[in-house]
């Protein structure tokens, strides 16, 4: 069975004019149900979060202070200053 990474590598090498055709072909095949995708990725997310917790977290002692230090105000879209 061909690995996804091999297919992705080959797609990346394609000339741009074939991407539309490839997209139309791929959309014709059955896709994995969304629920199965979520369950598979949920296990991966849990493993990543556990690894972060096991290594001492992200080094943030106070989430409120961290948010205040990195926050940058920006103008709201479609509103005058």
Foldseek 3Di string as FASTA:
>chain_A
DDDPVVVVVVVVPDDVVCPVVVVVVVVVDDDDDPVVVCVVVVVVVVVVVVVCVVVPHDPDPDPVVVCVVPDDDDDDPPDDD
